[in-house]
Amino acid sequence: MHPFERKPPGPPPGVKANLQVLLKEGWRPGARGRSLVSPGGEELALRGTLPAGARVVPLTPALAEADPADLSGPERYLARQAHVIFPRGANAADYVEALRDLEAVEEVRLPPQVALP
């Protein structure tokens, strides 16, 4: 970083740090937001992977709760999208690699950093 450049901004005030996650086909967030559920119904607990107070929420709750057989291809893709929301003070970038290593996760992205020059 150049000495005259400002430090990249964190999330705007009132917005918690988060990551955008694409789950593998058939996986979905658990009901309580602390686990991921496999196509067979087995839960993968995220304790130890995420900090206390973090939760996983579906991007489109109605699609995530629907039966995948009733959804079109684009709807199934949207149902696989989730956000991992972190407690205040947590740095989301510290958890990217840990989430990528999970068997349920296909892709992890940091949200875009929006700022005025």
PDB file of N, CA and C in Angstrom:
ATOM      1  N   MET A   1       0.851  -1.167   0.000  1.00  0.00           N
ATOM      2  CA  MET A   1       0.000   0.000   0.000  1.00  0.00           C
ATOM      3  C   MET A   1       0.902   1.237   0.000  1.00  0.00           C
ATOM      4  N   HIS A   2       0.581   2.195  -0.819  1.00  0.00           N
ATOM      5  CA  HIS A   2       1.322   3.446  -0.910  1.00  0.00           C
ATOM      6  C   HIS A   2       1.077   4.269   0.352  1.00  0.00           C
ATOM      7  N   PRO A   3       2.092   5.009   0.828  1.00  0.00           N
ATOM      8  CA  PRO A   3       1.925   5.756   2.086  1.00  0.00           C
ATOM      9  C   PRO A   3       0.791   6.774   2.059  1.00  0.00           C
ATOM     10  N   PHE A   4       0.431   7.279   0.879  1.00  0.00           N
ATOM     11  CA  PHE A   4      -0.631   8.272   0.807  1.00  0.00           C
ATOM     12  C   PHE A   4      -2.021   7.659   0.621  1.00  0.00           C
ATOM     13  N   GLU A   5      -2.051   6.342   0.374  1.00  0.00           N
ATOM     14  CA  GLU A   5      -3.337   5.675   0.221  1.00  0.00           C
ATOM     15  C   GLU A   5      -3.970   5.465   1.585  1.00  0.00           C
ATOM     16  N   ARG A   6      -5.274   5.608   1.604  1.00  0.00           N
ATOM     17  CA  ARG A   6      -5.992   5.337   2.841  1.00  0.00           C
ATOM     18  C   ARG A   6      -6.153   3.839   3.016  1.00  0.00           C
ATOM     19  N   LYS A   7      -6.263   3.437   4.257  1.00  0.00           N
ATOM     20  CA  LYS A   7      -6.509   2.028   4.564  1.00  0.00           C
ATOM     21  C   LYS A   7      -7.869   1.649   3.972  1.00  0.00           C
ATOM     22  N   PRO A   8      -7.998   0.453   3.369  1.00  0.00           N
ATOM     23  CA  PRO A   8      -9.295   0.056   2.816  1.00  0.00           C
ATOM     24  C   PRO A   8     -10.372   0.130   3.902  1.00  0.00           C
ATOM     25  N   PRO A   9     -11.518   0.679   3.565  1.00  0.00           N
ATOM     26  CA  PRO A   9     -12.561   0.811   4.575  1.00  0.00           C
ATOM     27  C   PRO A   9     -13.147  -0.538   4.958  1.00  0.00           C
ATOM     28  N   GLY A  10     -13.572  -0.645   6.177  1.00  0.00           N
ATOM     29  CA  GLY A  10     -14.301  -1.832   6.617  1.00  0.00           C
ATOM     30  C   GLY A  10     -15.747  -1.678   6.180  1.00  0.00           C
ATOM     31  N   PRO A  11     -16.620  -2.498   6.724  1.00  0.00           N
ATOM     32  CA  PRO A  11     -18.028  -2.344   6.371  1.00  0.00           C
ATOM     33  C   PRO A  11     -18.560  -0.996   6.868  1.00  0.00           C
ATOM     34  N   PRO A  12     -19.562  -0.453   6.224  1.00  0.00           N
ATOM     35  CA  PRO A  12     -20.137   0.809   6.669  1.00  0.00           C
ATOM     36  C   PRO A  12     -20.674   0.691   8.096  1.00  0.00           C
ATOM     37  N   PRO A  13     -20.810   1.798   8.794  1.00  0.00           N
ATOM     38  CA  PRO A  13     -21.344   1.748  10.158  1.00  0.00           C
ATOM     39  C   PRO A  13     -22.697   1.023  10.197  1.00  0.00           C
ATOM     40  N   GLY A  14     -22.841   0.152  11.163  1.00  0.00           N
ATOM     41  CA  GLY A  14     -24.092  -0.595  11.311  1.00  0.00           C
ATOM     42  C   GLY A  14     -24.151  -1.893  10.525  1.00  0.00           C
ATOM     43  N   VAL A  15     -23.168  -2.143   9.674  1.00  0.00           N
ATOM     44  CA  VAL A  15     -23.140  -3.374   8.883  1.00  0.00           C
ATOM     45  C   VAL A  15     -22.039  -4.273   9.437  1.00  0.00           C
ATOM     46  N   LYS A  16     -22.390  -5.499   9.771  1.00  0.00           N
ATOM     47  CA  LYS A  16     -21.413  -6.442  10.311  1.00  0.00           C
ATOM     48  C   LYS A  16     -20.601  -7.054   9.175  1.00  0.00           C
ATOM     49  N   ALA A  17     -19.391  -7.488   9.512  1.00  0.00           N
ATOM     50  CA  ALA A  17     -18.539  -8.161   8.534  1.00  0.00           C
ATOM     51  C   ALA A  17     -19.232  -9.439   8.074  1.00  0.00           C
ATOM     52  N   ASN A  18     -19.098  -9.766   6.785  1.00  0.00           N
ATOM     53  CA  ASN A  18     -19.746 -10.967   6.258  1.00  0.00           C
ATOM     54  C   ASN A  18     -18.965 -11.527   5.087  1.00  0.00           C
ATOM     55  N   LEU A  19     -19.289 -12.762   4.745  1.00  0.00           N
ATOM     56  CA  LEU A  19     -18.747 -13.438   3.573  1.00  0.00           C
ATOM     57  C   LEU A  19     -19.907 -13.990   2.754  1.00  0.00           C
ATOM     58  N   GLN A  20     -19.719 -14.021   1.448  1.00  0.00           N
ATOM     59  CA  GLN A  20     -20.711 -14.620   0.568  1.00  0.00           C
ATOM     60  C   GLN A  20     -20.236 -16.034   0.250  1.00  0.00           C
ATOM     61  N   VAL A  21     -21.126 -17.010   0.447  1.00  0.00           N
ATOM     62  CA  VAL A  21     -20.763 -18.417   0.294  1.00  0.00           C
ATOM     63  C   VAL A  21     -21.695 -19.090  -0.704  1.00  0.00           C
ATOM     64  N   LEU A  22     -21.116 -19.902  -1.590  1.00  0.00           N
ATOM     65  CA  LEU A  22     -21.895 -20.751  -2.490  1.00  0.00           C
ATOM     66  C   LEU A  22     -21.689 -22.179  -2.013  1.00  0.00           C
ATOM     67  N   LEU A  23     -22.769 -22.807  -1.600  1.00  0.00           N
ATOM     68  CA  LEU A  23     -22.702 -24.195  -1.121  1.00  0.00           C
ATOM     69  C   LEU A  23     -22.732 -25.150  -2.299  1.00  0.00           C
ATOM     70  N   LYS A  24     -22.209 -26.333  -2.098  1.00  0.00           N
ATOM     71  CA  LYS A  24     -22.259 -27.354  -3.147  1.00  0.00           C
ATOM     72  C   LYS A  24     -23.698 -27.820  -3.328  1.00  0.00           C
ATOM     73  N   GLU A  25     -23.952 -28.417  -4.465  1.00  0.00           N
ATOM     74  CA  GLU A  25     -25.293 -28.902  -4.818  1.00  0.00           C
ATOM     75  C   GLU A  25     -25.850 -29.795  -3.708  1.00  0.00           C
ATOM     76  N   GLY A  26     -27.061 -29.493  -3.259  1.00  0.00           N
ATOM     77  CA  GLY A  26     -27.748 -30.295  -2.247  1.00  0.00           C
ATOM     78  C   GLY A  26     -27.540 -29.823  -0.821  1.00  0.00           C
ATOM     79  N   TRP A  27     -26.505 -29.032  -0.546  1.00  0.00           N
ATOM     80  CA  TRP A  27     -26.252 -28.533   0.804  1.00  0.00           C
ATOM     81  C   TRP A  27     -27.095 -27.296   1.069  1.00  0.00           C
ATOM     82  N   ARG A  28     -27.396 -27.046   2.338  1.00  0.00           N
ATOM     83  CA  ARG A  28     -28.161 -25.854   2.723  1.00  0.00           C
ATOM     84  C   ARG A  28     -27.788 -25.448   4.144  1.00  0.00           C
ATOM     85  N   PRO A  29     -28.034 -24.193   4.508  1.00  0.00           N
ATOM     86  CA  PRO A  29     -27.758 -23.763   5.886  1.00  0.00           C
ATOM     87  C   PRO A  29     -28.672 -24.484   6.865  1.00  0.00           C
ATOM     88  N   GLY A  30     -28.167 -24.755   8.067  1.00  0.00           N
ATOM     89  CA  GLY A  30     -28.972 -25.371   9.113  1.00  0.00           C
ATOM     90  C   GLY A  30     -30.010 -24.405   9.648  1.00  0.00           C
ATOM     91  N   ALA A  31     -31.000 -24.934  10.338  1.00  0.00           N
ATOM     92  CA  ALA A  31     -32.119 -24.124  10.834  1.00  0.00           C
ATOM     93  C   ALA A  31     -31.675 -23.066  11.838  1.00  0.00           C
ATOM     94  N   ARG A  32     -30.663 -23.350  12.641  1.00  0.00           N
ATOM     95  CA  ARG A  32     -30.243 -22.403  13.668  1.00  0.00           C
ATOM     96  C   ARG A  32     -29.101 -21.497  13.219  1.00  0.00           C
ATOM     97  N   GLY A  33     -28.591 -21.683  12.017  1.00  0.00           N
ATOM     98  CA  GLY A  33     -27.542 -20.823  11.493  1.00  0.00           C
ATOM     99  C   GLY A  33     -26.146 -21.148  11.976  1.00  0.00           C
ATOM    100  N   ARG A  34     -25.956 -22.275  12.650  1.00  0.00           N
ATOM    101  CA  ARG A  34     -24.635 -22.661  13.149  1.00  0.00           C
ATOM    102  C   ARG A  34     -24.138 -23.957  12.521  1.00  0.00           C
ATOM    103  N   SER A  35     -24.804 -24.394  11.453  1.00  0.00           N
ATOM    104  CA  SER A  35     -24.400 -25.636  10.799  1.00  0.00           C
ATOM    105  C   SER A  35     -24.805 -25.597   9.330  1.00  0.00           C
ATOM    106  N   LEU A  36     -24.317 -26.588   8.601  1.00  0.00           N
ATOM    107  CA  LEU A  36     -24.716 -26.809   7.213  1.00  0.00           C
ATOM    108  C   LEU A  36     -25.281 -28.213   7.137  1.00  0.00           C
ATOM    109  N   VAL A  37     -26.312 -28.394   6.318  1.00  0.00           N
ATOM    110  CA  VAL A  37     -27.001 -29.677   6.225  1.00  0.00           C
ATOM    111  C   VAL A  37     -26.708 -30.300   4.863  1.00  0.00           C
ATOM    112  N   SER A  38     -26.266 -31.561   4.879  1.00  0.00           N
ATOM    113  CA  SER A  38     -25.916 -32.286   3.657  1.00  0.00           C
ATOM    114  C   SER A  38     -27.170 -32.726   2.915  1.00  0.00           C
ATOM    115  N   PRO A  39     -27.024 -33.183   1.662  1.00  0.00           N
ATOM    116  CA  PRO A  39     -28.180 -33.703   0.921  1.00  0.00           C
ATOM    117  C   PRO A  39     -28.857 -34.871   1.640  1.00  0.00           C
ATOM    118  N   GLY A  40     -28.095 -35.634   2.424  1.00  0.00           N
ATOM    119  CA  GLY A  40     -28.648 -36.761   3.176  1.00  0.00           C
ATOM    120  C   GLY A  40     -29.264 -36.373   4.506  1.00  0.00           C
ATOM    121  N   GLY A  41     -29.183 -35.092   4.880  1.00  0.00           N
ATOM    122  CA  GLY A  41     -29.784 -34.623   6.121  1.00  0.00           C
ATOM    123  C   GLY A  41     -28.836 -34.582   7.314  1.00  0.00           C
ATOM    124  N   GLU A  42     -27.569 -34.917   7.119  1.00  0.00           N
ATOM    125  CA  GLU A  42     -26.598 -34.878   8.214  1.00  0.00           C
ATOM    126  C   GLU A  42     -26.103 -33.445   8.403  1.00  0.00           C
ATOM    127  N   GLU A  43     -25.933 -33.035   9.682  1.00  0.00           N
ATOM    128  CA  GLU A  43     -25.485 -31.676   9.972  1.00  0.00           C
ATOM    129  C   GLU A  43     -23.970 -31.619  10.136  1.00  0.00           C
ATOM    130  N   LEU A  44     -23.380 -30.599   9.543  1.00  0.00           N
ATOM    131  CA  LEU A  44     -21.962 -30.314   9.688  1.00  0.00           C
ATOM    132  C   LEU A  44     -21.868 -29.082  10.588  1.00  0.00           C
ATOM    133  N   ALA A  45     -21.494 -29.282  11.855  1.00  0.00           N
ATOM    134  CA  ALA A  45     -21.416 -28.182  12.819  1.00  0.00           C
ATOM    135  C   ALA A  45     -20.247 -27.268  12.472  1.00  0.00           C
ATOM    136  N   LEU A  46     -20.447 -25.957  12.651  1.00  0.00           N
ATOM    137  CA  LEU A  46     -19.421 -24.980  12.336  1.00  0.00           C
ATOM    138  C   LEU A  46     -18.708 -24.459  13.581  1.00  0.00           C
ATOM    139  N   ARG A  47     -18.990 -25.066  14.728  1.00  0.00           N
ATOM    140  CA  ARG A  47     -18.286 -24.695  15.962  1.00  0.00           C
ATOM    141  C   ARG A  47     -16.810 -25.025  15.766  1.00  0.00           C
ATOM    142  N   GLY A  48     -15.949 -24.120  16.078  1.00  0.00           N
ATOM    143  CA  GLY A  48     -14.522 -24.312  15.863  1.00  0.00           C
ATOM    144  C   GLY A  48     -14.050 -23.773  14.525  1.00  0.00           C
ATOM    145  N   THR A  49     -14.937 -23.685  13.557  1.00  0.00           N
ATOM    146  CA  THR A  49     -14.591 -23.108  12.258  1.00  0.00           C
ATOM    147  C   THR A  49     -14.878 -21.614  12.254  1.00  0.00           C
ATOM    148  N   LEU A  50     -16.006 -21.238  12.847  1.00  0.00           N
ATOM    149  CA  LEU A  50     -16.427 -19.840  12.919  1.00  0.00           C
ATOM    150  C   LEU A  50     -16.369 -19.352  14.362  1.00  0.00           C
ATOM    151  N   PRO A  51     -16.230 -18.039  14.573  1.00  0.00           N
ATOM    152  CA  PRO A  51     -16.199 -17.526  15.941  1.00  0.00           C
ATOM    153  C   PRO A  51     -17.585 -17.588  16.574  1.00  0.00           C
ATOM    154  N   ALA A  52     -17.615 -17.534  17.901  1.00  0.00           N
ATOM    155  CA  ALA A  52     -18.899 -17.512  18.616  1.00  0.00           C
ATOM    156  C   ALA A  52     -19.691 -16.285  18.163  1.00  0.00           C
ATOM    157  N   GLY A  53     -20.959 -16.477  17.919  1.00  0.00           N
ATOM    158  CA  GLY A  53     -21.825 -15.387  17.487  1.00  0.00           C
ATOM    159  C   GLY A  53     -21.979 -15.264  15.984  1.00  0.00           C
ATOM    160  N   ALA A  54     -21.167 -15.989  15.210  1.00  0.00           N
ATOM    161  CA  ALA A  54     -21.314 -15.969  13.751  1.00  0.00           C
ATOM    162  C   ALA A  54     -22.486 -16.861  13.367  1.00  0.00           C
ATOM    163  N   ARG A  55     -23.144 -16.516  12.262  1.00  0.00           N
ATOM    164  CA  ARG A  55     -24.258 -17.336  11.809  1.00  0.00           C
ATOM    165  C   ARG A  55     -24.307 -17.375  10.282  1.00  0.00           C
ATOM    166  N   VAL A  56     -24.883 -18.457   9.774  1.00  0.00           N
ATOM    167  CA  VAL A  56     -25.028 -18.649   8.334  1.00  0.00           C
ATOM    168  C   VAL A  56     -26.501 -18.457   7.996  1.00  0.00           C
ATOM    169  N   VAL A  57     -26.778 -17.536   7.082  1.00  0.00           N
ATOM    170  CA  VAL A  57     -28.160 -17.265   6.693  1.00  0.00           C
ATOM    171  C   VAL A  57     -28.294 -17.415   5.178  1.00  0.00           C
ATOM    172  N   PRO A  58     -29.389 -18.020   4.722  1.00  0.00           N
ATOM    173  CA  PRO A  58     -29.585 -18.165   3.273  1.00  0.00           C
ATOM    174  C   PRO A  58     -29.854 -16.813   2.626  1.00  0.00           C
ATOM    175  N   LEU A  59     -29.394 -16.651   1.411  1.00  0.00           N
ATOM    176  CA  LEU A  59     -29.643 -15.420   0.659  1.00  0.00           C
ATOM    177  C   LEU A  59     -31.126 -15.303   0.323  1.00  0.00           C
ATOM    178  N   THR A  60     -31.747 -16.419  -0.025  1.00  0.00           N
ATOM    179  CA  THR A  60     -33.177 -16.446  -0.339  1.00  0.00           C
ATOM    180  C   THR A  60     -33.834 -17.510   0.534  1.00  0.00           C
ATOM    181  N   PRO A  61     -34.319 -17.130   1.722  1.00  0.00           N
ATOM    182  CA  PRO A  61     -34.864 -18.118   2.659  1.00  0.00           C
ATOM    183  C   PRO A  61     -35.983 -18.985   2.085  1.00  0.00           C
ATOM    184  N   ALA A  62     -36.871 -18.398   1.298  1.00  0.00           N
ATOM    185  CA  ALA A  62     -37.986 -19.182   0.752  1.00  0.00           C
ATOM    186  C   ALA A  62     -37.479 -20.286  -0.174  1.00  0.00           C
ATOM    187  N   LEU A  63     -36.469 -20.004  -0.973  1.00  0.00           N
ATOM    188  CA  LEU A  63     -35.921 -21.023  -1.870  1.00  0.00           C
ATOM    189  C   LEU A  63     -35.103 -22.058  -1.103  1.00  0.00           C
ATOM    190  N   ALA A  64     -34.401 -21.627  -0.057  1.00  0.00           N
ATOM    191  CA  ALA A  64     -33.592 -22.561   0.729  1.00  0.00           C
ATOM    192  C   ALA A  64     -34.470 -23.574   1.461  1.00  0.00           C
ATOM    193  N   GLU A  65     -35.685 -23.194   1.812  1.00  0.00           N
ATOM    194  CA  GLU A  65     -36.599 -24.094   2.523  1.00  0.00           C
ATOM    195  C   GLU A  65     -37.414 -24.972   1.584  1.00  0.00           C
ATOM    196  N   ALA A  66     -37.459 -24.616   0.294  1.00  0.00           N
ATOM    197  CA  ALA A  66     -38.268 -25.369  -0.676  1.00  0.00           C
ATOM    198  C   ALA A  66     -37.596 -26.691  -1.039  1.00  0.00           C
ATOM    199  N   ASP A  67     -38.404 -27.617  -1.520  1.00  0.00           N
ATOM    200  CA  ASP A  67     -37.890 -28.898  -1.996  1.00  0.00           C
ATOM    201  C   ASP A  67     -37.128 -28.654  -3.302  1.00  0.00           C
ATOM    202  N   PRO A  68     -35.864 -29.049  -3.388  1.00  0.00           N
ATOM    203  CA  PRO A  68     -35.083 -28.797  -4.601  1.00  0.00           C
ATOM    204  C   PRO A  68     -35.704 -29.390  -5.867  1.00  0.00           C
ATOM    205  N   ALA A  69     -36.467 -30.458  -5.747  1.00  0.00           N
ATOM    206  CA  ALA A  69     -37.101 -31.065  -6.920  1.00  0.00           C
ATOM    207  C   ALA A  69     -38.147 -30.138  -7.534  1.00  0.00           C
ATOM    208  N   ASP A  70     -38.691 -29.219  -6.741  1.00  0.00           N
ATOM    209  CA  ASP A  70     -39.711 -28.289  -7.228  1.00  0.00           C
ATOM    210  C   ASP A  70     -39.127 -27.008  -7.810  1.00  0.00           C
ATOM    211  N   LEU A  71     -37.800 -26.853  -7.768  1.00  0.00           N
ATOM    212  CA  LEU A  71     -37.168 -25.615  -8.202  1.00  0.00           C
ATOM    213  C   LEU A  71     -36.534 -25.759  -9.578  1.00  0.00           C
ATOM    214  N   SER A  72     -36.484 -24.649 -10.301  1.00  0.00           N
ATOM    215  CA  SER A  72     -35.790 -24.638 -11.595  1.00  0.00           C
ATOM    216  C   SER A  72     -34.282 -24.564 -11.339  1.00  0.00           C
ATOM    217  N   GLY A  73     -33.490 -24.702 -12.374  1.00  0.00           N
ATOM    218  CA  GLY A  73     -32.033 -24.630 -12.247  1.00  0.00           C
ATOM    219  C   GLY A  73     -31.552 -23.323 -11.615  1.00  0.00           C
ATOM    220  N   PRO A  74     -32.001 -22.162 -12.133  1.00  0.00           N
ATOM    221  CA  PRO A  74     -31.580 -20.905 -11.513  1.00  0.00           C
ATOM    222  C   PRO A  74     -32.054 -20.763 -10.064  1.00  0.00           C
ATOM    223  N   GLU A  75     -33.231 -21.283  -9.753  1.00  0.00           N
ATOM    224  CA  GLU A  75     -33.721 -21.222  -8.371  1.00  0.00           C
ATOM    225  C   GLU A  75     -32.876 -22.101  -7.453  1.00  0.00           C
ATOM    226  N   ARG A  76     -32.462 -23.270  -7.927  1.00  0.00           N
ATOM    227  CA  ARG A  76     -31.583 -24.128  -7.122  1.00  0.00           C
ATOM    228  C   ARG A  76     -30.245 -23.448  -6.867  1.00  0.00           C
ATOM    229  N   TYR A  77     -29.735 -22.734  -7.881  1.00  0.00           N
ATOM    230  CA  TYR A  77     -28.477 -22.003  -7.714  1.00  0.00           C
ATOM    231  C   TYR A  77     -28.632 -20.923  -6.638  1.00  0.00           C
ATOM    232  N   LEU A  78     -29.727 -20.170  -6.687  1.00  0.00           N
ATOM    233  CA  LEU A  78     -29.974 -19.141  -5.669  1.00  0.00           C
ATOM    234  C   LEU A  78     -30.144 -19.750  -4.283  1.00  0.00           C
ATOM    235  N   ALA A  79     -30.748 -20.928  -4.198  1.00  0.00           N
ATOM    236  CA  ALA A  79     -30.969 -21.587  -2.908  1.00  0.00           C
ATOM    237  C   ALA A  79     -29.647 -22.004  -2.268  1.00  0.00           C
ATOM    238  N   ARG A  80     -28.599 -22.159  -3.058  1.00  0.00           N
ATOM    239  CA  ARG A  80     -27.285 -22.558  -2.539  1.00  0.00           C
ATOM    240  C   ARG A  80     -26.479 -21.373  -2.003  1.00  0.00           C
ATOM    241  N   GLN A  81     -26.943 -20.160  -2.240  1.00  0.00           N
ATOM    242  CA  GLN A  81     -26.224 -18.960  -1.814  1.00  0.00           C
ATOM    243  C   GLN A  81     -26.526 -18.649  -0.349  1.00  0.00           C
ATOM    244  N   ALA A  82     -25.501 -18.262   0.394  1.00  0.00           N
ATOM    245  CA  ALA A  82     -25.676 -17.916   1.806  1.00  0.00           C
ATOM    246  C   ALA A  82     -24.683 -16.829   2.196  1.00  0.00           C
ATOM    247  N   HIS A  83     -24.977 -16.179   3.304  1.00  0.00           N
ATOM    248  CA  HIS A  83     -24.068 -15.200   3.899  1.00  0.00           C
ATOM    249  C   HIS A  83     -23.628 -15.729   5.248  1.00  0.00           C
ATOM    250  N   VAL A  84     -22.364 -15.569   5.559  1.00  0.00           N
ATOM    251  CA  VAL A  84     -21.866 -15.842   6.903  1.00  0.00           C
ATOM    252  C   VAL A  84     -21.693 -14.474   7.539  1.00  0.00           C
ATOM    253  N   ILE A  85     -22.459 -14.205   8.584  1.00  0.00           N
ATOM    254  CA  ILE A  85     -22.435 -12.910   9.256  1.00  0.00           C
ATOM    255  C   ILE A  85     -21.661 -13.070  10.560  1.00  0.00           C
ATOM    256  N   PHE A  86     -20.680 -12.222  10.755  1.00  0.00           N
ATOM    257  CA  PHE A  86     -19.777 -12.308  11.901  1.00  0.00           C
ATOM    258  C   PHE A  86     -20.166 -11.307  12.983  1.00  0.00           C
ATOM    259  N   PRO A  87     -19.792 -11.589  14.224  1.00  0.00           N
ATOM    260  CA  PRO A  87     -20.051 -10.631  15.296  1.00  0.00           C
ATOM    261  C   PRO A  87     -19.161  -9.394  15.122  1.00  0.00           C
ATOM    262  N   ARG A  88     -19.539  -8.321  15.773  1.00  0.00           N
ATOM    263  CA  ARG A  88     -18.746  -7.086  15.702  1.00  0.00           C
ATOM    264  C   ARG A  88     -17.310  -7.348  16.143  1.00  0.00           C
ATOM    265  N   GLY A  89     -16.389  -6.742  15.438  1.00  0.00           N
ATOM    266  CA  GLY A  89     -14.984  -6.883  15.779  1.00  0.00           C
ATOM    267  C   GLY A  89     -14.276  -8.038  15.086  1.00  0.00           C
ATOM    268  N   ALA A  90     -15.007  -8.960  14.494  1.00  0.00           N
ATOM    269  CA  ALA A  90     -14.389 -10.093  13.792  1.00  0.00           C
ATOM    270  C   ALA A  90     -13.978  -9.656  12.388  1.00  0.00           C
ATOM    271  N   ASN A  91     -12.876 -10.179  11.914  1.00  0.00           N
ATOM    272  CA  ASN A  91     -12.403  -9.902  10.572  1.00  0.00           C
ATOM    273  C   ASN A  91     -12.794 -11.077   9.678  1.00  0.00           C
ATOM    274  N   ALA A  92     -13.709 -10.850   8.764  1.00  0.00           N
ATOM    275  CA  ALA A  92     -14.217 -11.917   7.906  1.00  0.00           C
ATOM    276  C   ALA A  92     -13.112 -12.557   7.068  1.00  0.00           C
ATOM    277  N   ALA A  93     -12.125 -11.780   6.653  1.00  0.00           N
ATOM    278  CA  ALA A  93     -11.059 -12.304   5.805  1.00  0.00           C
ATOM    279  C   ALA A  93     -10.261 -13.412   6.504  1.00  0.00           C
ATOM    280  N   ASP A  94     -10.256 -13.415   7.832  1.00  0.00           N
ATOM    281  CA  ASP A  94      -9.529 -14.451   8.576  1.00  0.00           C
ATOM    282  C   ASP A  94     -10.169 -15.830   8.448  1.00  0.00           C
ATOM    283  N   TYR A  95     -11.401 -15.910   7.987  1.00  0.00           N
ATOM    284  CA  TYR A  95     -12.143 -17.174   7.956  1.00  0.00           C
ATOM    285  C   TYR A  95     -12.379 -17.700   6.540  1.00  0.00           C
ATOM    286  N   VAL A  96     -11.877 -17.007   5.534  1.00  0.00           N
ATOM    287  CA  VAL A  96     -12.106 -17.420   4.141  1.00  0.00           C
ATOM    288  C   VAL A  96     -11.536 -18.816   3.883  1.00  0.00           C
ATOM    289  N   GLU A  97     -10.291 -19.042   4.226  1.00  0.00           N
ATOM    290  CA  GLU A  97      -9.653 -20.336   3.938  1.00  0.00           C
ATOM    291  C   GLU A  97     -10.294 -21.471   4.733  1.00  0.00           C
ATOM    292  N   ALA A  98     -10.664 -21.213   5.986  1.00  0.00           N
ATOM    293  CA  ALA A  98     -11.300 -22.257   6.800  1.00  0.00           C
ATOM    294  C   ALA A  98     -12.625 -22.681   6.184  1.00  0.00           C
ATOM    295  N   LEU A  99     -13.382 -21.734   5.639  1.00  0.00           N
ATOM    296  CA  LEU A  99     -14.655 -22.079   4.998  1.00  0.00           C
ATOM    297  C   LEU A  99     -14.428 -22.795   3.665  1.00  0.00           C
ATOM    298  N   ARG A 100     -13.424 -22.377   2.909  1.00  0.00           N
ATOM    299  CA  ARG A 100     -13.134 -23.027   1.621  1.00  0.00           C
ATOM    300  C   ARG A 100     -12.749 -24.488   1.807  1.00  0.00           C
ATOM    301  N   ASP A 101     -12.185 -24.823   2.953  1.00  0.00           N
ATOM    302  CA  ASP A 101     -11.759 -26.191   3.215  1.00  0.00           C
ATOM    303  C   ASP A 101     -12.906 -27.122   3.591  1.00  0.00           C
ATOM    304  N   LEU A 102     -14.102 -26.586   3.861  1.00  0.00           N
ATOM    305  CA  LEU A 102     -15.242 -27.429   4.244  1.00  0.00           C
ATOM    306  C   LEU A 102     -15.762 -28.194   3.032  1.00  0.00           C
ATOM    307  N   GLU A 103     -16.200 -29.421   3.254  1.00  0.00           N
ATOM    308  CA  GLU A 103     -16.716 -30.240   2.158  1.00  0.00           C
ATOM    309  C   GLU A 103     -18.000 -29.683   1.549  1.00  0.00           C
ATOM    310  N   ALA A 104     -18.734 -28.851   2.290  1.00  0.00           N
ATOM    311  CA  ALA A 104     -20.017 -28.318   1.834  1.00  0.00           C
ATOM    312  C   ALA A 104     -19.886 -27.072   0.982  1.00  0.00           C
ATOM    313  N   VAL A 105     -18.724 -26.444   0.978  1.00  0.00           N
ATOM    314  CA  VAL A 105     -18.567 -25.130   0.361  1.00  0.00           C
ATOM    315  C   VAL A 105     -17.873 -25.235  -0.992  1.00  0.00           C
ATOM    316  N   GLU A 106     -18.502 -24.619  -1.992  1.00  0.00           N
ATOM    317  CA  GLU A 106     -17.927 -24.581  -3.336  1.00  0.00           C
ATOM    318  C   GLU A 106     -17.102 -23.317  -3.540  1.00  0.00           C
ATOM    319  N   GLU A 107     -17.593 -22.181  -3.023  1.00  0.00           N
ATOM    320  CA  GLU A 107     -16.914 -20.907  -3.261  1.00  0.00           C
ATOM    321  C   GLU A 107     -17.168 -19.961  -2.098  1.00  0.00           C
ATOM    322  N   VAL A 108     -16.154 -19.155  -1.757  1.00  0.00           N
ATOM    323  CA  VAL A 108     -16.280 -18.133  -0.716  1.00  0.00           C
ATOM    324  C   VAL A 108     -15.766 -16.821  -1.301  1.00  0.00           C
ATOM    325  N   ARG A 109     -16.546 -15.759  -1.117  1.00  0.00           N
ATOM    326  CA  ARG A 109     -16.157 -14.446  -1.628  1.00  0.00           C
ATOM    327  C   ARG A 109     -16.287 -13.402  -0.532  1.00  0.00           C
ATOM    328  N   LEU A 110     -15.340 -12.469  -0.520  1.00  0.00           N
ATOM    329  CA  LEU A 110     -15.489 -11.293   0.333  1.00  0.00           C
ATOM    330  C   LEU A 110     -16.434 -10.334  -0.375  1.00  0.00           C
ATOM    331  N   PRO A 111     -17.272  -9.607   0.351  1.00  0.00           N
ATOM    332  CA  PRO A 111     -18.150  -8.652  -0.312  1.00  0.00           C
ATOM    333  C   PRO A 111     -17.331  -7.513  -0.914  1.00  0.00           C
ATOM    334  N   PRO A 112     -17.846  -6.851  -1.927  1.00  0.00           N
ATOM    335  CA  PRO A 112     -17.094  -5.756  -2.543  1.00  0.00           C
ATOM    336  C   PRO A 112     -16.896  -4.615  -1.540  1.00  0.00           C
ATOM    337  N   GLN A 113     -15.745  -3.947  -1.634  1.00  0.00           N
ATOM    338  CA  GLN A 113     -15.457  -2.780  -0.808  1.00  0.00           C
ATOM    339  C   GLN A 113     -15.838  -1.539  -1.614  1.00  0.00           C
ATOM    340  N   VAL A 114     -16.857  -0.868  -1.180  1.00  0.00           N
ATOM    341  CA  VAL A 114     -17.343   0.310  -1.886  1.00  0.00           C
ATOM    342  C   VAL A 114     -16.912   1.544  -1.114  1.00  0.00           C
ATOM    343  N   ALA A 115     -16.255   2.474  -1.815  1.00  0.00           N
ATOM    344  CA  ALA A 115     -15.823   3.707  -1.167  1.00  0.00           C
ATOM    345  C   ALA A 115     -15.663   4.798  -2.218  1.00  0.00           C
ATOM    346  N   LEU A 116     -15.803   6.020  -1.795  1.00  0.00           N
ATOM    347  CA  LEU A 116     -15.560   7.147  -2.671  1.00  0.00           C
ATOM    348  C   LEU A 116     -14.069   7.486  -2.624  1.00  0.00           C
ATOM    349  N   PRO A 117     -13.527   8.002  -3.733  1.00  0.00           N
ATOM    350  CA  PRO A 117     -12.094   8.335  -3.740  1.00  0.00           C
ATOM    351  C   PRO A 117     -11.767   9.467  -2.785  1.00  0.00           C
TER     352      PRO A 117
END
